[in-house]
Protein backbone atom coordinates (compact mmCIF):
# COMPACT_ATOMS: atom_id res chain seq x y z
CA MET A 1 92.17 101.63 90.37
CA PRO A 2 94.19 99.99 93.17
CA ALA A 3 95.64 102.15 95.93
CA ASP A 4 98.90 103.74 94.81
CA PRO A 5 101.75 104.87 97.09
CA GLU A 6 102.65 107.82 94.85
CA LEU A 7 99.09 109.14 94.97
CA LEU A 8 99.11 108.85 98.76
CA ARG A 9 102.43 110.72 98.98
CA ALA A 10 101.02 113.53 96.85
CA ALA A 11 97.86 113.67 98.94
CA ARG A 12 99.89 113.69 102.17
CA ARG A 13 101.89 116.69 100.92
CA GLU A 14 98.70 118.63 100.12
CA LEU A 15 96.24 117.52 102.81
CA SER A 16 96.28 117.57 106.59
CA LEU A 17 93.35 115.22 107.07
CA PRO A 18 93.42 111.44 107.59
CA LEU A 19 94.00 109.47 104.39
CA CYS A 20 92.36 106.14 103.65
CA ALA A 21 93.75 103.74 101.06
CA ILE A 22 91.14 101.64 99.26
CA GLY A 23 91.27 99.23 96.37
CA GLY A 24 93.01 95.88 96.21
CA ILE A 25 94.55 96.10 99.69
CA THR A 26 96.33 92.97 100.90
CA PRO A 27 98.75 92.36 103.79
CA ALA A 28 101.50 92.15 101.15
CA ASN A 29 100.87 95.52 99.49
CA ALA A 30 99.68 97.43 102.56
CA PRO A 31 103.06 98.36 104.14
CA PRO A 32 104.13 100.67 101.28
CA LEU A 33 100.71 102.36 101.44
CA LEU A 34 101.08 103.00 105.16
CA GLU A 35 104.65 104.24 104.65
CA ALA A 36 103.39 106.58 101.91
CA GLY A 37 100.98 108.26 104.33
CA ALA A 38 97.79 106.19 104.58
CA ASP A 39 96.27 106.45 108.05
CA LEU A 40 93.55 103.89 107.33
CA LEU A 41 93.08 100.88 105.08
CA ALA A 42 89.66 100.04 103.65
CA VAL A 43 89.70 96.28 103.15
CA ILE A 44 86.88 94.00 102.02
CA GLN A 45 88.14 91.16 99.78
CA GLY A 46 91.48 91.04 101.58
CA LEU A 47 89.61 90.27 104.80
CA PHE A 48 86.15 88.83 104.14
CA GLY A 49 87.18 87.01 100.97
CA GLN A 50 89.75 84.94 102.84
CA PRO A 51 89.22 81.37 104.09
CA ASN A 52 90.00 82.38 107.68
CA VAL A 53 88.78 85.89 108.44
CA ARG A 54 90.25 85.88 111.94
CA GLU A 55 93.75 85.11 110.63
CA ALA A 56 93.41 87.66 107.85
CA ALA A 57 92.34 90.31 110.38
CA ALA A 58 95.34 89.48 112.56
CA ARG A 59 97.71 90.00 109.60
CA PHE A 60 96.22 93.45 108.95
CA GLN A 61 96.21 94.36 112.63
CA ALA A 62 99.91 93.55 112.89
CA LEU A 63 100.64 96.23 110.27
CA PHE A 64 99.53 98.91 112.73
CA ARG A 65 101.80 97.85 115.60
């Protein structure tokens, strides 16, 4: 199941440990996950499945600035 902002919000209310979103993460759907409480993003296809890994990594890195 892809990462879900509502699940992250519920986890953030209940847990005081770092939360990692995993599953179908892209630069387009990552911002709502971070806003919902994700501290980390676990990304494989969204990074290594892209034609230019360096550019893909830069797009993800920019989300944490």
